[in-house]
Structures are given as C-alpha cells and as structure tokens.
N, C-alpha and C. Protein backbone atom coordinates (compact mmCIF):
# COMPACT_ATOMS: atom_id res chain seq x y z
N MET A 1 92.59 116.45 81.20
CA MET A 1 93.19 115.60 80.18
C MET A 1 92.11 114.90 79.35
N ARG A 2 91.08 114.46 80.03
CA ARG A 2 90.00 113.75 79.35
C ARG A 2 89.24 114.68 78.40
N LYS A 3 89.03 115.92 78.81
CA LYS A 3 88.35 116.91 77.98
C LYS A 3 89.21 117.25 76.75
N PHE A 4 90.50 117.39 76.95
CA PHE A 4 91.43 117.68 75.86
C PHE A 4 91.42 116.55 74.82
N LEU A 5 91.45 115.31 75.29
CA LEU A 5 91.42 114.15 74.38
C LEU A 5 90.11 114.11 73.61
N GLY A 6 89.00 114.43 74.27
CA GLY A 6 87.70 114.46 73.60
C GLY A 6 87.64 115.52 72.51
N ILE A 7 88.24 116.69 72.78
CA ILE A 7 88.27 117.76 71.78
C ILE A 7 89.11 117.34 70.58
N ILE A 8 90.26 116.73 70.82
CA ILE A 8 91.15 116.28 69.74
C ILE A 8 90.44 115.23 68.87
N ILE A 9 89.79 114.28 69.49
CA ILE A 9 89.07 113.23 68.73
C ILE A 9 87.91 113.86 67.96
N GLY A 10 87.18 114.78 68.58
CA GLY A 10 86.07 115.46 67.89
C GLY A 10 86.55 116.24 66.68
N LEU A 11 87.66 116.97 66.83
CA LEU A 11 88.22 117.72 65.70
C LEU A 11 88.70 116.78 64.60
N GLY A 12 89.25 115.64 64.98
CA GLY A 12 89.69 114.65 63.98
C GLY A 12 88.51 114.10 63.19
N ILE A 13 87.42 113.82 63.87
CA ILE A 13 86.22 113.31 63.19
C ILE A 13 85.64 114.37 62.26
N ILE A 14 85.58 115.62 62.72
CA ILE A 14 85.07 116.70 61.87
C ILE A 14 85.96 116.90 60.65
N ALA A 15 87.27 116.83 60.83
CA ALA A 15 88.19 116.97 59.69
C ALA A 15 88.01 115.84 58.69
N ALA A 16 87.83 114.61 59.17
CA ALA A 16 87.62 113.47 58.27
C ALA A 16 86.32 113.60 57.50
N VAL A 17 85.25 114.02 58.17
CA VAL A 17 83.96 114.22 57.50
C VAL A 17 84.08 115.30 56.44
N CYS A 18 84.74 116.41 56.76
CA CYS A 18 84.93 117.50 55.78
C CYS A 18 85.74 117.03 54.58
N TYR A 19 86.80 116.27 54.82
CA TYR A 19 87.65 115.76 53.74
C TYR A 19 86.85 114.86 52.79
N PHE A 20 86.14 113.88 53.34
CA PHE A 20 85.39 112.95 52.51
C PHE A 20 84.21 113.62 51.81
N THR A 21 83.61 114.62 52.43
CA THR A 21 82.55 115.38 51.78
C THR A 21 83.10 116.15 50.60
N PHE A 22 84.26 116.76 50.77
CA PHE A 22 84.90 117.49 49.68
C PHE A 22 85.24 116.55 48.52
N ILE A 23 85.82 115.40 48.81
CA ILE A 23 86.17 114.42 47.77
C ILE A 23 84.91 113.94 47.04
N TYR A 24 83.82 113.75 47.76
CA TYR A 24 82.59 113.23 47.17
C TYR A 24 81.91 114.23 46.25
N TYR A 25 81.88 115.51 46.63
CA TYR A 25 81.09 116.49 45.89
C TYR A 25 81.89 117.42 44.98
N ALA A 26 83.14 117.69 45.27
CA ALA A 26 83.90 118.69 44.52
C ALA A 26 84.40 118.13 43.19
N THR A 27 84.29 118.94 42.15
CA THR A 27 84.85 118.57 40.85
C THR A 27 85.90 119.61 40.46
N TYR A 28 86.92 119.13 39.77
CA TYR A 28 88.02 119.99 39.36
C TYR A 28 87.73 120.65 38.01
N SER A 29 87.20 119.86 37.07
CA SER A 29 86.88 120.40 35.75
C SER A 29 85.78 119.57 35.10
N GLU A 30 85.21 120.12 34.04
CA GLU A 30 84.20 119.43 33.23
C GLU A 30 84.59 119.62 31.78
N GLY A 31 84.18 118.70 30.92
CA GLY A 31 84.51 118.86 29.52
C GLY A 31 83.94 117.77 28.65
N VAL A 32 84.36 117.82 27.37
CA VAL A 32 83.92 116.85 26.37
C VAL A 32 85.16 116.38 25.62
N ARG A 33 85.24 115.09 25.36
CA ARG A 33 86.33 114.54 24.56
C ARG A 33 85.72 113.61 23.52
N SER A 34 86.33 113.63 22.33
CA SER A 34 85.87 112.78 21.24
C SER A 34 86.97 111.84 20.83
N GLY A 35 86.58 110.67 20.37
CA GLY A 35 87.54 109.70 19.89
C GLY A 35 86.89 108.35 19.72
N GLU A 36 87.72 107.36 19.39
CA GLU A 36 87.23 106.00 19.19
C GLU A 36 87.29 105.26 20.52
N LEU A 37 86.16 104.70 20.92
CA LEU A 37 86.08 103.94 22.16
C LEU A 37 86.74 102.59 21.93
N ILE A 38 87.93 102.40 22.49
CA ILE A 38 88.69 101.17 22.20
C ILE A 38 88.56 100.11 23.28
N ARG A 39 88.15 100.50 24.49
CA ARG A 39 88.01 99.51 25.55
C ARG A 39 87.01 100.01 26.58
N PHE A 40 86.15 99.08 27.01
CA PHE A 40 85.24 99.35 28.12
C PHE A 40 85.00 98.03 28.84
N SER A 41 85.33 97.97 30.13
CA SER A 41 85.20 96.71 30.85
C SER A 41 84.96 96.94 32.33
N SER A 42 84.53 95.88 32.99
CA SER A 42 84.38 95.87 34.44
C SER A 42 85.58 95.14 34.98
N ARG A 43 86.31 95.77 35.91
CA ARG A 43 87.52 95.14 36.41
C ARG A 43 87.70 95.39 37.89
N GLY A 44 88.60 94.63 38.49
CA GLY A 44 88.93 94.79 39.90
C GLY A 44 88.79 93.50 40.67
N MET A 45 89.58 93.39 41.74
CA MET A 45 89.52 92.20 42.59
C MET A 45 88.53 92.41 43.75
N LEU A 46 88.78 93.44 44.52
CA LEU A 46 87.93 93.70 45.68
C LEU A 46 86.73 94.55 45.31
N PHE A 47 86.97 95.61 44.53
CA PHE A 47 85.90 96.51 44.08
C PHE A 47 85.80 96.41 42.57
N LYS A 48 84.67 95.99 42.04
CA LYS A 48 84.45 95.94 40.60
C LYS A 48 84.06 97.34 40.13
N THR A 49 84.85 97.88 39.21
CA THR A 49 84.58 99.21 38.67
C THR A 49 84.55 99.13 37.16
N TYR A 50 83.90 100.10 36.54
CA TYR A 50 83.84 100.19 35.09
C TYR A 50 84.90 101.17 34.61
N GLU A 51 85.79 100.68 33.75
CA GLU A 51 86.90 101.48 33.23
C GLU A 51 86.89 101.41 31.71
N GLY A 52 87.38 102.46 31.07
CA GLY A 52 87.43 102.46 29.61
C GLY A 52 88.56 103.33 29.10
N GLU A 53 88.78 103.22 27.79
CA GLU A 53 89.81 104.03 27.13
C GLU A 53 89.27 104.56 25.82
N LEU A 54 89.66 105.79 25.52
CA LEU A 54 89.25 106.48 24.31
C LEU A 54 90.51 106.85 23.55
N SER A 55 90.62 106.42 22.30
CA SER A 55 91.76 106.78 21.46
C SER A 55 91.45 108.11 20.78
N GLN A 56 92.32 109.10 21.01
CA GLN A 56 92.09 110.43 20.46
C GLN A 56 93.03 110.77 19.32
N GLY A 57 93.71 109.79 18.79
CA GLY A 57 94.62 110.03 17.68
C GLY A 57 94.55 108.91 16.67
N ILE A 58 95.17 109.13 15.53
CA ILE A 58 95.14 108.12 14.48
C ILE A 58 95.91 106.87 14.89
N SER A 59 97.07 107.05 15.48
CA SER A 59 97.91 105.91 15.84
C SER A 59 97.59 105.35 17.22
N GLY A 60 96.70 105.96 17.94
CA GLY A 60 96.38 105.50 19.29
C GLY A 60 97.41 105.95 20.31
N ALA A 61 98.21 106.95 19.96
CA ALA A 61 99.25 107.44 20.86
C ALA A 61 98.67 108.27 22.00
N GLN A 62 97.51 108.84 21.80
CA GLN A 62 96.89 109.69 22.82
C GLN A 62 95.65 108.96 23.36
N ILE A 63 95.80 108.36 24.53
CA ILE A 63 94.73 107.57 25.14
C ILE A 63 94.16 108.31 26.34
N PHE A 64 92.84 108.41 26.39
CA PHE A 64 92.13 109.03 27.51
C PHE A 64 91.49 107.91 28.32
N SER A 65 91.97 107.69 29.54
CA SER A 65 91.41 106.66 30.43
C SER A 65 90.34 107.29 31.31
N PHE A 66 89.26 106.55 31.52
CA PHE A 66 88.14 107.08 32.30
C PHE A 66 87.46 105.98 33.10
N SER A 67 86.62 106.40 34.03
CA SER A 67 85.82 105.51 34.85
C SER A 67 84.35 105.91 34.73
N VAL A 68 83.47 104.98 35.09
CA VAL A 68 82.03 105.25 35.12
C VAL A 68 81.51 104.74 36.45
N LEU A 69 80.73 105.56 37.14
CA LEU A 69 80.13 105.15 38.41
C LEU A 69 79.08 104.07 38.18
N ASP A 70 78.95 103.14 39.11
CA ASP A 70 77.97 102.06 39.01
C ASP A 70 76.55 102.57 38.90
N SER A 71 76.26 103.73 39.46
CA SER A 71 74.90 104.27 39.46
C SER A 71 74.49 104.81 38.09
N ASP A 72 75.44 105.04 37.17
CA ASP A 72 75.12 105.54 35.83
C ASP A 72 74.85 104.38 34.87
N THR A 73 73.72 103.70 35.07
CA THR A 73 73.43 102.49 34.29
C THR A 73 73.20 102.80 32.81
N LYS A 74 72.61 103.95 32.48
CA LYS A 74 72.38 104.30 31.08
C LYS A 74 73.72 104.53 30.36
N VAL A 75 74.64 105.20 31.02
CA VAL A 75 75.96 105.44 30.42
C VAL A 75 76.69 104.12 30.22
N ILE A 76 76.61 103.21 31.18
CA ILE A 76 77.26 101.91 31.06
C ILE A 76 76.69 101.13 29.89
N ALA A 77 75.38 101.10 29.76
CA ALA A 77 74.74 100.38 28.65
C ALA A 77 75.12 101.00 27.31
N ASP A 78 75.14 102.33 27.22
CA ASP A 78 75.50 103.01 25.97
C ASP A 78 76.96 102.72 25.59
N LEU A 79 77.85 102.75 26.56
CA LEU A 79 79.26 102.49 26.27
C LEU A 79 79.48 101.05 25.81
N LYS A 80 78.75 100.10 26.38
CA LYS A 80 78.87 98.70 25.94
C LYS A 80 78.42 98.56 24.49
N GLU A 81 77.37 99.27 24.10
CA GLU A 81 76.87 99.20 22.73
C GLU A 81 77.80 99.89 21.73
N MET A 82 78.45 100.96 22.15
CA MET A 82 79.21 101.80 21.23
C MET A 82 80.70 101.48 21.18
N GLU A 83 81.12 100.38 21.77
CA GLU A 83 82.54 100.02 21.74
C GLU A 83 83.01 99.83 20.30
N GLY A 84 84.12 100.46 19.97
CA GLY A 84 84.66 100.41 18.60
C GLY A 84 84.16 101.53 17.72
N GLN A 85 83.25 102.35 18.22
CA GLN A 85 82.67 103.46 17.46
C GLN A 85 83.34 104.77 17.84
N TYR A 86 83.13 105.79 17.03
CA TYR A 86 83.60 107.14 17.33
C TYR A 86 82.54 107.80 18.20
N VAL A 87 82.90 108.23 19.40
CA VAL A 87 81.94 108.77 20.36
C VAL A 87 82.41 110.11 20.92
N LYS A 88 81.47 110.82 21.53
CA LYS A 88 81.75 112.07 22.24
C LYS A 88 81.35 111.84 23.70
N LEU A 89 82.34 111.96 24.61
CA LEU A 89 82.12 111.71 26.02
C LEU A 89 82.10 113.02 26.81
N THR A 90 81.07 113.19 27.63
CA THR A 90 81.02 114.32 28.55
C THR A 90 81.51 113.78 29.90
N TYR A 91 82.44 114.51 30.53
CA TYR A 91 83.05 114.01 31.75
C TYR A 91 83.20 115.10 32.80
N ILE A 92 83.43 114.64 34.03
CA ILE A 92 83.85 115.53 35.11
C ILE A 92 85.16 114.96 35.65
N GLU A 93 86.04 115.86 36.07
CA GLU A 93 87.30 115.45 36.68
C GLU A 93 87.24 115.79 38.16
N ARG A 94 87.56 114.82 38.98
CA ARG A 94 87.55 115.02 40.43
C ARG A 94 88.98 115.20 40.95
N TYR A 95 89.10 115.79 42.12
CA TYR A 95 90.42 115.97 42.74
C TYR A 95 91.05 114.62 43.09
N LYS A 96 90.27 113.76 43.68
CA LYS A 96 90.69 112.42 44.07
C LYS A 96 89.51 111.48 43.86
N THR A 97 89.75 110.20 44.05
CA THR A 97 88.69 109.21 43.88
C THR A 97 88.76 108.18 45.01
N PHE A 98 87.67 107.51 45.23
CA PHE A 98 87.63 106.40 46.17
C PHE A 98 87.92 105.11 45.41
N PRO A 99 88.48 104.08 46.07
CA PRO A 99 88.78 102.82 45.36
C PRO A 99 87.54 102.16 44.77
N TRP A 100 86.38 102.34 45.37
CA TRP A 100 85.16 101.70 44.86
C TRP A 100 84.52 102.49 43.73
N TRP A 101 85.07 103.67 43.39
CA TRP A 101 84.56 104.44 42.25
C TRP A 101 85.29 104.09 40.97
N GLY A 102 86.61 103.90 41.05
CA GLY A 102 87.37 103.59 39.85
C GLY A 102 88.81 104.04 39.97
N ASP A 103 89.61 103.71 38.95
CA ASP A 103 91.04 104.01 38.94
C ASP A 103 91.33 105.44 38.50
N SER A 104 90.49 105.99 37.67
CA SER A 104 90.73 107.29 37.06
C SER A 104 90.04 108.42 37.83
N LYS A 105 90.54 109.64 37.64
CA LYS A 105 89.88 110.82 38.22
C LYS A 105 88.81 111.36 37.27
N TYR A 106 88.72 110.81 36.05
CA TYR A 106 87.76 111.27 35.05
C TYR A 106 86.55 110.33 35.06
N PHE A 107 85.36 110.92 35.24
CA PHE A 107 84.13 110.13 35.30
C PHE A 107 83.17 110.59 34.22
N ILE A 108 82.69 109.65 33.42
CA ILE A 108 81.81 109.93 32.30
C ILE A 108 80.39 110.13 32.80
N THR A 109 79.76 111.23 32.33
CA THR A 109 78.38 111.52 32.72
C THR A 109 77.41 111.36 31.56
N ASP A 110 77.91 111.40 30.30
CA ASP A 110 77.05 111.26 29.13
C ASP A 110 77.89 110.78 27.95
N VAL A 111 77.28 110.03 27.06
CA VAL A 111 77.97 109.54 25.87
C VAL A 111 77.04 109.67 24.67
N LYS A 112 77.60 110.10 23.52
CA LYS A 112 76.83 110.25 22.29
C LYS A 112 77.67 109.76 21.11
N MET A 113 76.99 109.21 20.12
CA MET A 113 77.67 108.83 18.87
C MET A 113 78.09 110.10 18.16
N ASP A 114 79.21 110.03 17.43
CA ASP A 114 79.72 111.18 16.69
C ASP A 114 80.28 110.69 15.37
N LYS A 115 80.39 111.57 14.41
CA LYS A 115 80.99 111.23 13.11
C LYS A 115 82.50 111.31 13.22
N SER A 116 83.16 110.31 12.70
CA SER A 116 84.62 110.30 12.73
C SER A 116 85.18 111.25 11.67
N PRO A 117 86.12 112.12 12.04
CA PRO A 117 86.72 113.01 11.05
C PRO A 117 87.73 112.28 10.17
N PHE A 118 88.08 111.04 10.50
CA PHE A 118 89.09 110.30 9.78
C PHE A 118 88.54 109.46 8.64
N LYS A 119 87.23 109.23 8.62
CA LYS A 119 86.63 108.40 7.58
C LYS A 119 86.35 109.24 6.35
N ILE A 120 86.75 108.72 5.21
CA ILE A 120 86.51 109.41 3.94
C ILE A 120 85.17 108.94 3.39
N LYS A 121 84.37 109.89 2.93
CA LYS A 121 83.03 109.56 2.42
C LYS A 121 83.10 109.02 1.02
C-alpha cells in the first residue's frame, strides 16, 4: 500500500511539472497587430501586471487586449512613451497564463511606431 501511494504521488508531481512546463514554454500563435494604443497601465491587487488595449478600428469597436511580462522592461518603457500613438505590436499567444503574468493570453514582445492609415496628409 505504501509503495502504491508513493507511485501515485510521484506520478502526480511529474504530471504537475509537465503541465506547468508546457504552460510556461508553449505558444499557440505569433503575429503582428497595428492600431492606436489607447491604454497601458499597471494593475492588480495581489499581482501587479502590465495590461494594455489597442484600438484597431475607427470607432474603437475592435479592441485588442494584451499583457506585458515584467521582464520586458524595454517594451514597457516604449509602450509608456507611445500611448495615444499608432503602433505595431508583435505578440505571442499562449494557451493559458499564470495570474502573475497578466489577464490576457496575448503577450507583447516588441513595439514599433507606425503611420496611421486614417490620417490625411
């Protein structure tokens, strides 16, 4: 009985390690989105995370919500500077997220200024 219980606990630990490793490293998709950066802030009660929104339409009907990892300090600084501007965001989408990473499954890896197609010259 003791050996059986040890095997069950060992398998449970291995399954948990595999699950968290998969969540940490696996990405579902990668891509680029452009739009006006309408919000970027640090929020949360227990875990402070960086969250933002990108408006992808004229009326703001299509909003792309995203998160930024704390370790991406250059991306955080760039997003703070470019708030209200038309930007191009490079992102990865994860299967799931941890509470200390952010609310969204979309994580920004790079940000660049872009020309707005809506402005008349």
